[in-house]
Amino acid sequence: MTHGTDGIDSTYGTFGNGSAIRPGSEPHYNLKMFGEVVKTFRKRARLTQEQFAPLVGYSLETIASIEQGRRLPPPDFAERADSILDAFGVILAAAKHLTRRKGLASWFRQWALLELGALSLYTYECRLIPGLLQTPAYARTLFTDQLPPLGDEQIEAQLAARLERQELLRNRPNTAFSFILEEHLFLRQLGGEEVTRELIDHILDLSELRNVDIQIMPLVRHHHAGLHGPMRLLETPEHQWFGYLEGQEHGQFVSDPKVISALQMRCASMRSQALSLDDSKSLMRRMRGAR
């Protein structure tokens, strides 16, 4: 992770943080194509989704989401589906392409695909404003400050992809998004006073969405459960939990229940240590007014 690129693979001039794509390609194209392949073979077998779901061992909701290209199939889904539908290995072959999305860093791909169908997403950040909450001016500052430097074309491609990525907040009203942000992220004034003022206004607007909670961790905090660093937690439609921890040059996908439990414990503690939703809004308004 460099300068808030959230899973960037700068070779292709795009970024991660959930839905990075190669410039000019269709977002989530591989997921949609995989879903169409599964649906075609299911219909060929003359099975409805309701009939197919118990045979493959997953819920009707999961089958529908996969066929619509809205979520990553579980690890053993492709093998089961290919066998049940007598798909000649086509479903298995199609599944391989879900992990080969150019423009998305290899260590971020699994998390990015799971995000598409998540029931809830929790983010704690102490380094920068998360990509989902950034303004174009703030994001451009991150991209132009990146080292090694990016070319103008790469910067514009990344900015366009990031703005498209932010549609998740409004396009998934049934997904609960929760953010805990350190107060110093605003006090740093990255990009300058005007960029920071615009950023605060933007985050205040997003905080009015019913599915978005934004809390500020105050600058002075005698007890803080987030000192291990930034983290993300995600709940799938099957109510499984996964985590993602990002460093400067790589990220760590977490599925170990013991580690997930520790991350959930820290997240729950931070939510009580941070300012309330209303107090967080009040603080942001005061910070904006002071500039």
C-alpha atoms as a PDB file:
ATOM      1  CA  MET A   1       0.000   0.000   0.000  1.00  0.00           C
ATOM      2  CA  THR A   2       1.543   3.283  -1.039  1.00  0.00           C
ATOM      3  CA  HIS A   3      -0.146   6.629  -0.479  1.00  0.00           C
ATOM      4  CA  GLY A   4      -3.635   5.246  -0.187  1.00  0.00           C
ATOM      5  CA  THR A   5      -3.732   3.224  -3.361  1.00  0.00           C
ATOM      6  CA  ASP A   6      -5.674   0.401  -1.694  1.00  0.00           C
ATOM      7  CA  GLY A   7      -4.447  -2.621  -3.578  1.00  0.00           C
ATOM      8  CA  ILE A   8      -3.064  -0.798  -6.591  1.00  0.00           C
ATOM      9  CA  ASP A   9      -1.235  -2.609  -9.340  1.00  0.00           C
ATOM     10  CA  SER A  10       0.406   0.384 -10.992  1.00  0.00           C
ATOM     11  CA  THR A  11       1.597  -1.756 -13.896  1.00  0.00           C
ATOM     12  CA  TYR A  12      -1.925  -1.386 -15.279  1.00  0.00           C
ATOM     13  CA  GLY A  13      -2.684   2.033 -13.863  1.00  0.00           C
ATOM     14  CA  THR A  14      -5.658   0.963 -11.749  1.00  0.00           C
ATOM     15  CA  PHE A  15      -6.365   0.494  -8.093  1.00  0.00           C
ATOM     16  CA  GLY A  16      -7.899  -2.020  -5.757  1.00  0.00           C
ATOM     17  CA  ASN A  17      -9.891  -1.262  -2.619  1.00  0.00           C
ATOM     18  CA  GLY A  18     -12.671  -3.497  -3.842  1.00  0.00           C
ATOM     19  CA  SER A  19     -13.258  -3.111  -7.545  1.00  0.00           C
ATOM     20  CA  ALA A  20     -10.133  -2.101  -9.387  1.00  0.00           C
ATOM     21  CA  ILE A  21     -10.193  -2.733 -13.110  1.00  0.00           C
ATOM     22  CA  ARG A  22      -7.914  -2.279 -16.054  1.00  0.00           C
ATOM     23  CA  PRO A  23      -8.694   1.026 -17.823  1.00  0.00           C
ATOM     24  CA  GLY A  24     -11.350   0.534 -20.486  1.00  0.00           C
ATOM     25  CA  SER A  25     -12.538  -2.845 -19.237  1.00  0.00           C
ATOM     26  CA  GLU A  26     -16.010  -3.638 -17.950  1.00  0.00           C
ATOM     27  CA  PRO A  27     -16.177  -3.653 -14.098  1.00  0.00           C
ATOM     28  CA  HIS A  28     -16.586  -7.113 -12.663  1.00  0.00           C
ATOM     29  CA  TYR A  29     -16.676  -8.594 -16.176  1.00  0.00           C
ATOM     30  CA  ASN A  30     -15.240 -11.950 -15.081  1.00  0.00           C
ATOM     31  CA  LEU A  31     -17.804 -12.373 -12.316  1.00  0.00           C
ATOM     32  CA  LYS A  32     -20.677 -11.658 -14.687  1.00  0.00           C
ATOM     33  CA  MET A  33     -19.332 -14.048 -17.292  1.00  0.00           C
ATOM     34  CA  PHE A  34     -18.863 -16.789 -14.693  1.00  0.00           C
ATOM     35  CA  GLY A  35     -22.452 -16.289 -13.565  1.00  0.00           C
ATOM     36  CA  GLU A  36     -23.707 -16.598 -17.126  1.00  0.00           C
ATOM     37  CA  VAL A  37     -21.759 -19.845 -17.583  1.00  0.00           C
ATOM     38  CA  VAL A  38     -23.299 -21.350 -14.441  1.00  0.00           C
ATOM     39  CA  LYS A  39     -26.796 -20.202 -15.429  1.00  0.00           C
ATOM     40  CA  THR A  40     -26.442 -21.633 -18.943  1.00  0.00           C
ATOM     41  CA  PHE A  41     -25.436 -25.090 -17.711  1.00  0.00           C
ATOM     42  CA  ARG A  42     -28.110 -25.021 -14.982  1.00  0.00           C
ATOM     43  CA  LYS A  43     -30.798 -24.339 -17.577  1.00  0.00           C
ATOM     44  CA  ARG A  44     -29.279 -26.987 -19.851  1.00  0.00           C
ATOM     45  CA  ALA A  45     -29.788 -29.455 -16.982  1.00  0.00           C
ATOM     46  CA  ARG A  46     -33.407 -28.196 -16.696  1.00  0.00           C
ATOM     47  CA  LEU A  47     -32.964 -27.177 -13.085  1.00  0.00           C
ATOM     48  CA  THR A  48     -34.424 -24.087 -11.460  1.00  0.00           C
ATOM     49  CA  GLN A  49     -32.335 -22.125  -8.970  1.00  0.00           C
ATOM     50  CA  GLU A  50     -34.529 -23.573  -6.226  1.00  0.00           C
ATOM     51  CA  GLN A  51     -33.755 -27.119  -7.388  1.00  0.00           C
ATOM     52  CA  PHE A  52     -30.053 -26.475  -7.984  1.00  0.00           C
ATOM     53  CA  ALA A  53     -29.337 -24.798  -4.630  1.00  0.00           C
ATOM     54  CA  PRO A  54     -29.738 -27.884  -2.363  1.00  0.00           C
ATOM     55  CA  LEU A  55     -27.896 -30.082  -4.853  1.00  0.00           C
ATOM     56  CA  VAL A  56     -24.804 -27.884  -4.785  1.00  0.00           C
ATOM     57  CA  GLY A  57     -25.125 -27.243  -1.047  1.00  0.00           C
ATOM     58  CA  TYR A  58     -25.668 -23.476  -1.004  1.00  0.00           C
ATOM     59  CA  SER A  59     -28.593 -21.161  -0.384  1.00  0.00           C
ATOM     60  CA  LEU A  60     -30.905 -19.868  -3.090  1.00  0.00           C
ATOM     61  CA  GLU A  61     -29.652 -16.349  -2.343  1.00  0.00           C
ATOM     62  CA  THR A  62     -26.065 -17.431  -2.964  1.00  0.00           C
ATOM     63  CA  ILE A  63     -26.953 -19.088  -6.282  1.00  0.00           C
ATOM     64  CA  ALA A  64     -28.838 -16.003  -7.438  1.00  0.00           C
ATOM     65  CA  SER A  65     -25.956 -13.699  -6.469  1.00  0.00           C
ATOM     66  CA  ILE A  66     -23.403 -15.854  -8.296  1.00  0.00           C
ATOM     67  CA  GLU A  67     -25.478 -16.063 -11.470  1.00  0.00           C
ATOM     68  CA  GLN A  68     -26.027 -12.305 -11.426  1.00  0.00           C
ATOM     69  CA  GLY A  69     -22.280 -11.705 -11.077  1.00  0.00           C
ATOM     70  CA  ARG A  70     -22.666  -9.989  -7.710  1.00  0.00           C
ATOM     71  CA  ARG A  71     -20.436 -12.203  -5.589  1.00  0.00           C
ATOM     72  CA  LEU A  72     -17.438 -14.488  -5.621  1.00  0.00           C
ATOM     73  CA  PRO A  73     -18.390 -18.193  -5.558  1.00  0.00           C
ATOM     74  CA  PRO A  74     -17.300 -20.153  -2.452  1.00  0.00           C
ATOM     75  CA  PRO A  75     -14.050 -22.120  -2.872  1.00  0.00           C
ATOM     76  CA  ASP A  76     -15.686 -25.490  -3.645  1.00  0.00           C
ATOM     77  CA  PHE A  77     -18.654 -24.179  -5.618  1.00  0.00           C
ATOM     78  CA  ALA A  78     -17.139 -24.498  -9.101  1.00  0.00           C
ATOM     79  CA  GLU A  79     -16.132 -28.133  -8.598  1.00  0.00           C
ATOM     80  CA  ARG A  80     -19.541 -29.103  -7.197  1.00  0.00           C
ATOM     81  CA  ALA A  81     -21.453 -27.198  -9.867  1.00  0.00           C
ATOM     82  CA  ASP A  82     -19.373 -28.607 -12.702  1.00  0.00           C
ATOM     83  CA  SER A  83     -19.991 -32.159 -11.496  1.00  0.00           C
ATOM     84  CA  ILE A  84     -23.717 -31.764 -10.804  1.00  0.00           C
ATOM     85  CA  LEU A  85     -24.393 -29.966 -14.090  1.00  0.00           C
ATOM     86  CA  ASP A  86     -22.114 -32.233 -16.140  1.00  0.00           C
ATOM     87  CA  ALA A  87     -20.411 -29.119 -17.514  1.00  0.00           C
ATOM     88  CA  PHE A  88     -17.395 -30.849 -19.096  1.00  0.00           C
ATOM     89  CA  GLY A  89     -14.965 -28.807 -16.942  1.00  0.00           C
ATOM     90  CA  VAL A  90     -16.203 -25.499 -18.386  1.00  0.00           C
ATOM     91  CA  ILE A  91     -17.335 -24.096 -15.005  1.00  0.00           C
ATOM     92  CA  LEU A  92     -14.018 -25.083 -13.426  1.00  0.00           C
ATOM     93  CA  ALA A  93     -12.126 -23.403 -16.258  1.00  0.00           C
ATOM     94  CA  ALA A  94     -14.233 -20.242 -15.981  1.00  0.00           C
ATOM     95  CA  ALA A  95     -13.596 -20.094 -12.217  1.00  0.00           C
ATOM     96  CA  LYS A  96      -9.851 -19.850 -12.792  1.00  0.00           C
ATOM     97  CA  HIS A  97     -10.258 -16.468 -14.468  1.00  0.00           C
ATOM     98  CA  LEU A  98     -11.868 -14.981 -11.352  1.00  0.00           C
ATOM     99  CA  THR A  99      -8.413 -14.757  -9.769  1.00  0.00           C
ATOM    100  CA  ARG A 100      -6.668 -13.321 -12.821  1.00  0.00           C
ATOM    101  CA  ARG A 101      -8.065  -9.820 -12.955  1.00  0.00           C
ATOM    102  CA  LYS A 102      -5.358  -7.574 -14.357  1.00  0.00           C
ATOM    103  CA  GLY A 103      -5.037  -4.197 -12.723  1.00  0.00           C
ATOM    104  CA  LEU A 104      -5.762  -5.610  -9.288  1.00  0.00           C
ATOM    105  CA  ALA A 105      -2.846  -6.599  -7.088  1.00  0.00           C
ATOM    106  CA  SER A 106      -2.820 -10.386  -6.688  1.00  0.00           C
ATOM    107  CA  TRP A 107      -2.853 -10.193  -2.905  1.00  0.00           C
ATOM    108  CA  PHE A 108      -6.036  -8.071  -2.957  1.00  0.00           C
ATOM    109  CA  ARG A 109      -8.184  -9.995  -5.446  1.00  0.00           C
ATOM    110  CA  GLN A 110      -9.911 -12.404  -3.072  1.00  0.00           C
ATOM    111  CA  TRP A 111     -10.985  -9.590  -0.756  1.00  0.00           C
ATOM    112  CA  ALA A 112     -12.120  -7.391  -3.634  1.00  0.00           C
ATOM    113  CA  LEU A 113     -14.426 -10.066  -5.005  1.00  0.00           C
ATOM    114  CA  LEU A 114     -15.926 -10.875  -1.601  1.00  0.00           C
ATOM    115  CA  GLU A 115     -16.717  -7.196  -1.099  1.00  0.00           C
ATOM    116  CA  LEU A 116     -19.170  -7.215  -3.986  1.00  0.00           C
ATOM    117  CA  GLY A 117     -21.709  -9.315  -2.097  1.00  0.00           C
ATOM    118  CA  ALA A 118     -20.878  -8.429   1.502  1.00  0.00           C
ATOM    119  CA  LEU A 119     -23.613  -7.874   4.062  1.00  0.00           C
ATOM    120  CA  SER A 120     -21.407  -5.591   6.149  1.00  0.00           C
ATOM    121  CA  LEU A 121     -18.015  -3.924   5.839  1.00  0.00           C
ATOM    122  CA  TYR A 122     -16.064  -2.433   8.735  1.00  0.00           C
ATOM    123  CA  THR A 123     -13.029  -0.219   8.166  1.00  0.00           C
ATOM    124  CA  TYR A 124     -10.592   1.342  10.628  1.00  0.00           C
ATOM    125  CA  GLU A 125      -7.984   3.715   9.197  1.00  0.00           C
ATOM    126  CA  CYS A 126      -5.168   5.667  10.822  1.00  0.00           C
ATOM    127  CA  ARG A 127      -3.083   6.547   7.726  1.00  0.00           C
ATOM    128  CA  LEU A 128      -5.420   8.138   5.194  1.00  0.00           C
ATOM    129  CA  ILE A 129      -9.076   8.584   4.325  1.00  0.00           C
ATOM    130  CA  PRO A 130     -10.341   5.255   2.900  1.00  0.00           C
ATOM    131  CA  GLY A 131     -10.874   5.128  -0.850  1.00  0.00           C
ATOM    132  CA  LEU A 132     -14.661   4.827  -0.537  1.00  0.00           C
ATOM    133  CA  LEU A 133     -14.811   8.209   1.213  1.00  0.00           C
ATOM    134  CA  GLN A 134     -12.286  10.193  -0.826  1.00  0.00           C
ATOM    135  CA  THR A 135     -13.036  13.228  -2.981  1.00  0.00           C
ATOM    136  CA  PRO A 136     -11.478  13.516  -6.460  1.00  0.00           C
ATOM    137  CA  ALA A 137      -9.099  16.232  -5.230  1.00  0.00           C
ATOM    138  CA  TYR A 138      -7.968  14.181  -2.226  1.00  0.00           C
ATOM    139  CA  ALA A 139      -7.502  11.044  -4.338  1.00  0.00           C
ATOM    140  CA  ARG A 140      -5.572  12.991  -6.976  1.00  0.00           C
ATOM    141  CA  THR A 141      -3.197  14.240  -4.275  1.00  0.00           C
ATOM    142  CA  LEU A 142      -2.525  10.659  -3.210  1.00  0.00           C
ATOM    143  CA  PHE A 143      -1.852   9.561  -6.777  1.00  0.00           C
ATOM    144  CA  THR A 144       0.403  12.498  -7.659  1.00  0.00           C
ATOM    145  CA  ASP A 145       2.398  12.022  -4.449  1.00  0.00           C
ATOM    146  CA  GLN A 146       2.959   8.324  -5.095  1.00  0.00           C
ATOM    147  CA  LEU A 147       6.510   6.993  -5.314  1.00  0.00           C
ATOM    148  CA  PRO A 148       7.705   5.732  -7.727  1.00  0.00           C
ATOM    149  CA  PRO A 149       5.876   8.473  -9.674  1.00  0.00           C
ATOM    150  CA  LEU A 150       2.945   7.688 -11.963  1.00  0.00           C
ATOM    151  CA  GLY A 151       2.385   9.112 -15.425  1.00  0.00           C
ATOM    152  CA  ASP A 152      -0.516  11.450 -16.196  1.00  0.00           C
ATOM    153  CA  GLU A 153      -2.441   8.697 -17.987  1.00  0.00           C
ATOM    154  CA  GLN A 154      -2.056   6.331 -15.027  1.00  0.00           C
ATOM    155  CA  ILE A 155      -3.226   8.998 -12.588  1.00  0.00           C
ATOM    156  CA  GLU A 156      -6.351   9.757 -14.634  1.00  0.00           C
ATOM    157  CA  ALA A 157      -7.152   6.053 -15.018  1.00  0.00           C
ATOM    158  CA  GLN A 158      -6.790   5.453 -11.299  1.00  0.00           C
ATOM    159  CA  LEU A 159      -8.922   8.457 -10.428  1.00  0.00           C
ATOM    160  CA  ALA A 160     -11.719   7.334 -12.755  1.00  0.00           C
ATOM    161  CA  ALA A 161     -11.620   3.830 -11.323  1.00  0.00           C
ATOM    162  CA  ARG A 162     -11.716   5.093  -7.751  1.00  0.00           C
ATOM    163  CA  LEU A 163     -14.732   7.272  -8.379  1.00  0.00           C
ATOM    164  CA  GLU A 164     -16.520   4.337  -9.989  1.00  0.00           C
ATOM    165  CA  ARG A 165     -15.597   2.196  -6.992  1.00  0.00           C
ATOM    166  CA  GLN A 166     -17.371   4.619  -4.656  1.00  0.00           C
ATOM    167  CA  GLU A 167     -20.716   3.718  -6.212  1.00  0.00           C
ATOM    168  CA  LEU A 168     -20.747   0.751  -3.819  1.00  0.00           C
ATOM    169  CA  LEU A 169     -21.971   3.032  -1.030  1.00  0.00           C
ATOM    170  CA  ARG A 170     -25.094   4.067  -2.919  1.00  0.00           C
ATOM    171  CA  ASN A 171     -25.642   0.986  -5.086  1.00  0.00           C
ATOM    172  CA  ARG A 172     -25.691  -1.423  -2.140  1.00  0.00           C
ATOM    173  CA  PRO A 173     -28.237   0.123   0.283  1.00  0.00           C
ATOM    174  CA  ASN A 174     -28.601  -3.206   2.110  1.00  0.00           C
ATOM    175  CA  THR A 175     -24.884  -3.404   2.888  1.00  0.00           C
ATOM    176  CA  ALA A 176     -23.894  -1.826   6.214  1.00  0.00           C
ATOM    177  CA  PHE A 177     -20.732   0.270   5.912  1.00  0.00           C
ATOM    178  CA  SER A 178     -18.966   1.330   9.101  1.00  0.00           C
ATOM    179  CA  PHE A 179     -15.875   3.545   9.216  1.00  0.00           C
ATOM    180  CA  ILE A 180     -13.706   4.591  12.145  1.00  0.00           C
ATOM    181  CA  LEU A 181     -11.330   7.401  11.183  1.00  0.00           C
ATOM    182  CA  GLU A 182      -8.605   9.035  13.230  1.00  0.00           C
ATOM    183  CA  GLU A 183      -9.094  12.773  13.820  1.00  0.00           C
ATOM    184  CA  HIS A 184      -5.529  13.515  12.703  1.00  0.00           C
ATOM    185  CA  LEU A 185      -6.411  12.416   9.145  1.00  0.00           C
ATOM    186  CA  PHE A 186      -8.292  15.715   8.791  1.00  0.00           C
ATOM    187  CA  LEU A 187      -5.823  17.821  10.775  1.00  0.00           C
ATOM    188  CA  ARG A 188      -3.023  16.809   8.395  1.00  0.00           C
ATOM    189  CA  GLN A 189      -4.681  18.899   5.637  1.00  0.00           C
ATOM    190  CA  LEU A 190      -3.378  16.634   2.895  1.00  0.00           C
ATOM    191  CA  GLY A 191      -3.706  18.540  -0.374  1.00  0.00           C
ATOM    192  CA  GLY A 192      -4.285  21.858   1.400  1.00  0.00           C
ATOM    193  CA  GLU A 193      -7.065  23.646   3.252  1.00  0.00           C
ATOM    194  CA  GLU A 194      -9.556  23.739   0.377  1.00  0.00           C
ATOM    195  CA  VAL A 195      -9.113  20.027  -0.348  1.00  0.00           C
ATOM    196  CA  THR A 196      -9.655  19.255   3.342  1.00  0.00           C
ATOM    197  CA  ARG A 197     -12.737  21.463   3.565  1.00  0.00           C
ATOM    198  CA  GLU A 198     -14.253  19.762   0.526  1.00  0.00           C
ATOM    199  CA  LEU A 199     -13.345  16.350   1.967  1.00  0.00           C
ATOM    200  CA  ILE A 200     -15.125  17.068   5.253  1.00  0.00           C
ATOM    201  CA  ASP A 201     -18.248  18.286   3.429  1.00  0.00           C
ATOM    202  CA  HIS A 202     -18.224  15.124   1.311  1.00  0.00           C
ATOM    203  CA  ILE A 203     -17.889  12.806   4.312  1.00  0.00           C
ATOM    204  CA  LEU A 204     -20.641  14.665   6.149  1.00  0.00           C
ATOM    205  CA  ASP A 205     -22.914  14.118   3.143  1.00  0.00           C
ATOM    206  CA  LEU A 206     -22.083  10.394   3.060  1.00  0.00           C
ATOM    207  CA  SER A 207     -22.768  10.109   6.783  1.00  0.00           C
ATOM    208  CA  GLU A 208     -26.411  10.956   6.048  1.00  0.00           C
ATOM    209  CA  LEU A 209     -26.862   7.688   4.114  1.00  0.00           C
ATOM    210  CA  ARG A 210     -28.795   5.138   6.180  1.00  0.00           C
ATOM    211  CA  ASN A 211     -26.291   2.366   5.459  1.00  0.00           C
ATOM    212  CA  VAL A 212     -23.154   4.388   6.268  1.00  0.00           C
ATOM    213  CA  ASP A 213     -21.833   4.988   9.800  1.00  0.00           C
ATOM    214  CA  ILE A 214     -18.793   7.232  10.268  1.00  0.00           C
ATOM    215  CA  GLN A 215     -17.118   7.691  13.639  1.00  0.00           C
ATOM    216  CA  ILE A 216     -14.085   9.786  14.536  1.00  0.00           C
ATOM    217  CA  MET A 217     -11.441   8.557  16.962  1.00  0.00           C
ATOM    218  CA  PRO A 218     -10.433  11.713  18.889  1.00  0.00           C
ATOM    219  CA  LEU A 219      -6.858  12.952  18.846  1.00  0.00           C
ATOM    220  CA  VAL A 220      -6.542  12.467  22.595  1.00  0.00           C
ATOM    221  CA  ARG A 221      -7.541   8.942  23.585  1.00  0.00           C
ATOM    222  CA  HIS A 222      -6.127   7.388  26.761  1.00  0.00           C
ATOM    223  CA  HIS A 223      -7.196   3.897  25.707  1.00  0.00           C
ATOM    224  CA  HIS A 224      -7.137   2.755  22.085  1.00  0.00           C
ATOM    225  CA  ALA A 225      -7.806  -0.775  20.772  1.00  0.00           C
ATOM    226  CA  GLY A 226      -6.561  -0.017  17.267  1.00  0.00           C
ATOM    227  CA  LEU A 227      -2.847   0.375  17.887  1.00  0.00           C
ATOM    228  CA  HIS A 228      -2.083  -2.726  15.828  1.00  0.00           C
ATOM    229  CA  GLY A 229      -2.880  -0.692  12.717  1.00  0.00           C
ATOM    230  CA  PRO A 230      -5.608  -0.350  10.056  1.00  0.00           C
ATOM    231  CA  MET A 231      -7.976  -3.218   9.378  1.00  0.00           C
ATOM    232  CA  ARG A 232     -11.093  -4.247   7.505  1.00  0.00           C
ATOM    233  CA  LEU A 233     -13.722  -6.826   8.385  1.00  0.00           C
ATOM    234  CA  LEU A 234     -16.337  -8.288   6.069  1.00  0.00           C
ATOM    235  CA  GLU A 235     -19.448 -10.456   6.541  1.00  0.00           C
ATOM    236  CA  THR A 236     -20.618 -12.657   3.648  1.00  0.00           C
ATOM    237  CA  PRO A 237     -24.247 -13.587   2.856  1.00  0.00           C
ATOM    238  CA  GLU A 238     -23.517 -16.941   4.569  1.00  0.00           C
ATOM    239  CA  HIS A 239     -22.553 -14.961   7.710  1.00  0.00           C
ATOM    240  CA  GLN A 240     -18.902 -15.885   7.457  1.00  0.00           C
ATOM    241  CA  TRP A 241     -16.367 -13.268   8.513  1.00  0.00           C
ATOM    242  CA  PHE A 242     -13.072 -12.401   6.840  1.00  0.00           C
ATOM    243  CA  GLY A 243     -10.450  -9.760   7.462  1.00  0.00           C
ATOM    244  CA  TYR A 244      -7.950  -7.809   5.429  1.00  0.00           C
ATOM    245  CA  LEU A 245      -4.782  -6.122   6.683  1.00  0.00           C
ATOM    246  CA  GLU A 246      -2.785  -3.929   4.320  1.00  0.00           C
ATOM    247  CA  GLY A 247       0.886  -2.975   4.383  1.00  0.00           C
ATOM    248  CA  GLN A 248       3.070  -0.854   2.130  1.00  0.00           C
ATOM    249  CA  GLU A 249       3.743  -3.460  -0.538  1.00  0.00           C
ATOM    250  CA  HIS A 250       1.341  -6.291   0.224  1.00  0.00           C
ATOM    251  CA  GLY A 251      -1.891  -7.223   1.960  1.00  0.00           C
ATOM    252  CA  GLN A 252      -2.945 -10.120   4.156  1.00  0.00           C
ATOM    253  CA  PHE A 253      -6.277 -11.878   3.693  1.00  0.00           C
ATOM    254  CA  VAL A 254      -7.453 -13.315   7.031  1.00  0.00           C
ATOM    255  CA  SER A 255      -9.792 -16.280   7.431  1.00  0.00           C
ATOM    256  CA  ASP A 256      -8.482 -17.883  10.638  1.00  0.00           C
ATOM    257  CA  PRO A 257     -11.434 -17.770  13.100  1.00  0.00           C
ATOM    258  CA  LYS A 258      -9.079 -17.084  16.001  1.00  0.00           C
ATOM    259  CA  VAL A 259      -7.603 -14.023  14.289  1.00  0.00           C
ATOM    260  CA  ILE A 260     -11.037 -12.869  13.094  1.00  0.00           C
ATOM    261  CA  SER A 261     -12.285 -13.050  16.676  1.00  0.00           C
ATOM    262  CA  ALA A 262      -9.421 -10.822  17.828  1.00  0.00           C
ATOM    263  CA  LEU A 263     -10.108  -8.301  15.046  1.00  0.00           C
ATOM    264  CA  GLN A 264     -13.817  -8.230  15.885  1.00  0.00           C
ATOM    265  CA  MET A 265     -12.981  -7.655  19.531  1.00  0.00           C
ATOM    266  CA  ARG A 266     -10.721  -4.722  18.661  1.00  0.00           C
ATOM    267  CA  CYS A 267     -13.274  -3.268  16.265  1.00  0.00           C
ATOM    268  CA  ALA A 268     -16.065  -3.470  18.834  1.00  0.00           C
ATOM    269  CA  SER A 269     -13.866  -1.801  21.429  1.00  0.00           C
ATOM    270  CA  MET A 270     -12.900   0.994  19.032  1.00  0.00           C
ATOM    271  CA  ARG A 271     -16.536   1.677  18.210  1.00  0.00           C
ATOM    272  CA  SER A 272     -17.132   2.371  21.887  1.00  0.00           C
ATOM    273  CA  GLN A 273     -13.912   4.402  22.231  1.00  0.00           C
ATOM    274  CA  ALA A 274     -14.599   6.591  19.187  1.00  0.00           C
ATOM    275  CA  LEU A 275     -17.001   9.498  19.262  1.00  0.00           C
ATOM    276  CA  SER A 276     -20.675   8.738  18.708  1.00  0.00           C
ATOM    277  CA  LEU A 277     -22.148   9.254  15.239  1.00  0.00           C
ATOM    278  CA  ASP A 278     -23.646  12.623  16.189  1.00  0.00           C
ATOM    279  CA  ASP A 279     -20.533  13.787  18.053  1.00  0.00           C
ATOM    280  CA  SER A 280     -18.391  12.751  15.096  1.00  0.00           C
ATOM    281  CA  LYS A 281     -20.483  14.923  12.786  1.00  0.00           C
ATOM    282  CA  SER A 282     -20.234  17.821  15.217  1.00  0.00           C
ATOM    283  CA  LEU A 283     -16.449  17.499  15.366  1.00  0.00           C
ATOM    284  CA  MET A 284     -16.165  17.439  11.570  1.00  0.00           C
ATOM    285  CA  ARG A 285     -18.334  20.547  11.315  1.00  0.00           C
ATOM    286  CA  ARG A 286     -16.124  22.324  13.855  1.00  0.00           C
ATOM    287  CA  MET A 287     -12.963  21.285  12.000  1.00  0.00           C
ATOM    288  CA  ARG A 288     -14.436  22.554   8.775  1.00  0.00           C
ATOM    289  CA  GLY A 289     -15.453  25.862  10.317  1.00  0.00           C
ATOM    290  CA  ALA A 290     -12.017  26.400  11.804  1.00  0.00           C
ATOM    291  CA  ARG A 291     -10.355  26.423   8.382  1.00  0.00           C
END
